[in-house]
C-alpha atoms as a PDB file:
ATOM      1  CA  MET A   1      -0.422  -0.273  -0.492  1.00  0.00           C
ATOM      2  CA  ASP A   2       1.224   3.339  -1.019  1.00  0.00           C
ATOM      3  CA  ALA A   3       2.064   5.728   2.351  1.00  0.00           C
ATOM      4  CA  SER A   4       0.502   8.492   1.609  1.00  0.00           C
ATOM      5  CA  HIS A   5      -2.656   6.634   0.909  1.00  0.00           C
ATOM      6  CA  ARG A   6      -4.735   7.037   4.148  1.00  0.00           C
ATOM      7  CA  THR A   7      -7.393   4.605   4.945  1.00  0.00           C
ATOM      8  CA  ASN A   8     -11.380   5.303   6.071  1.00  0.00           C
ATOM      9  CA  ALA A   9     -12.535   1.862   7.009  1.00  0.00           C
ATOM     10  CA  THR A  10     -10.630  -1.086   9.077  1.00  0.00           C
ATOM     11  CA  PHE A  11     -11.378  -4.785   8.551  1.00  0.00           C
ATOM     12  CA  ASP A  12     -10.523  -6.661  11.382  1.00  0.00           C
ATOM     13  CA  SER A  13     -10.963 -10.664  11.027  1.00  0.00           C
ATOM     14  CA  ARG A  14     -11.051 -13.606  13.467  1.00  0.00           C
ATOM     15  CA  LEU A  15     -11.971 -17.091  13.334  1.00  0.00           C
ATOM     16  CA  ASP A  16     -14.598 -17.824  15.787  1.00  0.00           C
ATOM     17  CA  GLY A  17     -15.175 -21.937  15.054  1.00  0.00           C
ATOM     18  CA  GLU A  18     -15.360 -22.903  11.567  1.00  0.00           C
ATOM     19  CA  ALA A  19     -16.230 -19.254  10.456  1.00  0.00           C
ATOM     20  CA  VAL A  20     -14.469 -15.906  10.427  1.00  0.00           C
ATOM     21  CA  LEU A  21     -16.206 -13.168  11.254  1.00  0.00           C
ATOM     22  CA  ILE A  22     -15.236  -9.596   9.458  1.00  0.00           C
ATOM     23  CA  THR A  23     -15.865  -6.731  11.488  1.00  0.00           C
ATOM     24  CA  VAL A  24     -16.005  -4.061   8.731  1.00  0.00           C
ATOM     25  CA  ARG A  25     -15.569   0.104  10.113  1.00  0.00           C
ATOM     26  CA  GLY A  26     -15.480   3.587   8.859  1.00  0.00           C
ATOM     27  CA  GLU A  27     -16.429   4.696   5.553  1.00  0.00           C
ATOM     28  CA  PHE A  28     -16.369   1.840   2.585  1.00  0.00           C
ATOM     29  CA  ASP A  29     -15.943   3.388  -0.649  1.00  0.00           C
ATOM     30  CA  LEU A  30     -13.965   2.847  -3.652  1.00  0.00           C
ATOM     31  CA  ALA A  31     -10.056   3.747  -1.812  1.00  0.00           C
ATOM     32  CA  GLU A  32     -11.083   0.539   0.829  1.00  0.00           C
ATOM     33  CA  VAL A  33     -12.207  -2.125  -2.253  1.00  0.00           C
ATOM     34  CA  GLU A  34      -9.051  -3.738  -2.964  1.00  0.00           C
ATOM     35  CA  LEU A  35      -8.159  -4.355   1.281  1.00  0.00           C
ATOM     36  CA  PHE A  36     -11.925  -5.484   1.844  1.00  0.00           C
ATOM     37  CA  GLN A  37     -11.539  -8.148  -1.144  1.00  0.00           C
ATOM     38  CA  GLN A  38      -8.609  -9.277  -0.148  1.00  0.00           C
ATOM     39  CA  THR A  39      -9.480 -10.108   3.433  1.00  0.00           C
ATOM     40  CA  VAL A  40     -12.384 -11.874   2.190  1.00  0.00           C
ATOM     41  CA  ARG A  41     -10.720 -13.931  -0.017  1.00  0.00           C
ATOM     42  CA  THR A  42      -8.206 -14.604   2.627  1.00  0.00           C
ATOM     43  CA  ALA A  43     -11.542 -15.826   4.955  1.00  0.00           C
ATOM     44  CA  ILE A  44     -12.663 -18.123   2.126  1.00  0.00           C
ATOM     45  CA  GLU A  45      -9.944 -19.836   1.503  1.00  0.00           C
ATOM     46  CA  GLY A  46      -9.079 -20.881   5.715  1.00  0.00           C
ATOM     47  CA  ALA A  47     -13.102 -21.077   6.826  1.00  0.00           C
ATOM     48  CA  GLN A  48     -16.439 -22.681   6.226  1.00  0.00           C
ATOM     49  CA  ALA A  49     -18.352 -20.138   6.150  1.00  0.00           C
ATOM     50  CA  VAL A  50     -18.018 -16.207   6.397  1.00  0.00           C
ATOM     51  CA  GLY A  51     -19.735 -13.371   8.716  1.00  0.00           C
ATOM     52  CA  ILE A  52     -19.518  -9.551   7.817  1.00  0.00           C
ATOM     53  CA  ASP A  53     -20.282  -7.239  10.398  1.00  0.00           C
ATOM     54  CA  MET A  54     -20.769  -3.890   9.303  1.00  0.00           C
ATOM     55  CA  ALA A  55     -22.609  -2.290  12.347  1.00  0.00           C
ATOM     56  CA  GLY A  56     -19.850   0.516  13.040  1.00  0.00           C
ATOM     57  CA  VAL A  57     -20.090   1.534   8.500  1.00  0.00           C
ATOM     58  CA  SER A  58     -20.862   5.373   8.024  1.00  0.00           C
ATOM     59  CA  PHE A  59     -20.839   5.649   4.838  1.00  0.00           C
ATOM     60  CA  ILE A  60     -20.931   2.781   2.147  1.00  0.00           C
ATOM     61  CA  ASP A  61     -21.024   3.981  -1.594  1.00  0.00           C
ATOM     62  CA  SER A  62     -21.613   1.490  -4.719  1.00  0.00           C
ATOM     63  CA  SER A  63     -18.253   0.210  -5.341  1.00  0.00           C
ATOM     64  CA  GLY A  64     -18.901  -1.058  -2.164  1.00  0.00           C
ATOM     65  CA  LEU A  65     -21.445  -2.941  -2.462  1.00  0.00           C
ATOM     66  CA  ARG A  66     -20.062  -3.944  -5.736  1.00  0.00           C
ATOM     67  CA  ALA A  67     -17.179  -5.121  -3.773  1.00  0.00           C
ATOM     68  CA  MET A  68     -19.629  -7.387  -1.152  1.00  0.00           C
ATOM     69  CA  LEU A  69     -21.407  -8.481  -4.495  1.00  0.00           C
ATOM     70  CA  GLN A  70     -17.932 -10.374  -6.129  1.00  0.00           C
ATOM     71  CA  CYS A  71     -17.514 -11.801  -2.935  1.00  0.00           C
ATOM     72  CA  ARG A  72     -20.505 -13.368  -2.437  1.00  0.00           C
ATOM     73  CA  ALA A  73     -19.946 -14.811  -5.417  1.00  0.00           C
ATOM     74  CA  ASP A  74     -16.211 -15.947  -5.242  1.00  0.00           C
ATOM     75  CA  ALA A  75     -17.847 -17.461  -1.697  1.00  0.00           C
ATOM     76  CA  GLU A  76     -20.377 -19.288  -3.745  1.00  0.00           C
ATOM     77  CA  SER A  77     -17.303 -20.135  -6.765  1.00  0.00           C
ATOM     78  CA  ALA A  78     -15.353 -22.009  -3.397  1.00  0.00           C
ATOM     79  CA  GLY A  79     -18.356 -23.519  -2.143  1.00  0.00           C
ATOM     80  CA  LYS A  80     -18.438 -21.708   0.956  1.00  0.00           C
ATOM     81  CA  LYS A  81     -21.423 -19.339   2.333  1.00  0.00           C
ATOM     82  CA  LEU A  82     -20.682 -15.319   3.031  1.00  0.00           C
ATOM     83  CA  ARG A  83     -23.381 -13.487   4.717  1.00  0.00           C
ATOM     84  CA  LEU A  84     -23.902 -10.256   6.963  1.00  0.00           C
ATOM     85  CA  VAL A  85     -24.408 -10.675  10.519  1.00  0.00           C
ATOM     86  CA  ASP A  86     -24.957  -7.200  11.588  1.00  0.00           C
ATOM     87  CA  SER A  87     -25.762  -3.412   9.698  1.00  0.00           C
ATOM     88  CA  SER A  88     -25.308   0.155  10.683  1.00  0.00           C
ATOM     89  CA  PRO A  89     -28.986   1.893   9.175  1.00  0.00           C
ATOM     90  CA  VAL A  90     -26.996   2.881   6.157  1.00  0.00           C
ATOM     91  CA  VAL A  91     -25.763  -0.080   5.101  1.00  0.00           C
ATOM     92  CA  ALA A  92     -29.165  -1.101   5.187  1.00  0.00           C
ATOM     93  CA  ARG A  93     -30.917   1.457   3.531  1.00  0.00           C
ATOM     94  CA  LEU A  94     -28.173   0.480   0.737  1.00  0.00           C
ATOM     95  CA  LEU A  95     -29.203  -2.847   0.669  1.00  0.00           C
ATOM     96  CA  GLU A  96     -33.302  -2.028   0.683  1.00  0.00           C
ATOM     97  CA  LEU A  97     -32.940   0.268  -2.348  1.00  0.00           C
ATOM     98  CA  THR A  98     -30.950  -1.925  -4.044  1.00  0.00           C
ATOM     99  CA  SER A  99     -33.232  -5.278  -3.676  1.00  0.00           C
ATOM    100  CA  LEU A 100     -30.947  -6.687  -1.851  1.00  0.00           C
ATOM    101  CA  THR A 101     -31.665  -7.082   2.153  1.00  0.00           C
ATOM    102  CA  ASP A 102     -31.620 -11.149   1.213  1.00  0.00           C
ATOM    103  CA  ALA A 103     -28.856 -10.987  -0.684  1.00  0.00           C
ATOM    104  CA  PHE A 104     -26.762 -12.139   2.526  1.00  0.00           C
ATOM    105  CA  THR A 105     -28.515 -13.803   4.676  1.00  0.00           C
END
């Protein structure tokens, strides 16, 4: 990562049994997509299931949503499950507006 890059979000992961829980906090936009996708892909490789906790997300744009959808497709291709375990009001609203509320259950 370029030293001048300032991150607007954090991605923490922890193993919980056979699943990995990824906690996302902050602003999830185009600048954060690559790190998010790397974090999720690593989790997919090492766990049976991946949960994403987005309760701490204060902003998400279409690039964040696209990254979520791509990671869901990656998980499905690997025969794994990716689900959203919690979401902030902004994430819930974006999923509602795009008719994707049930896409991560």
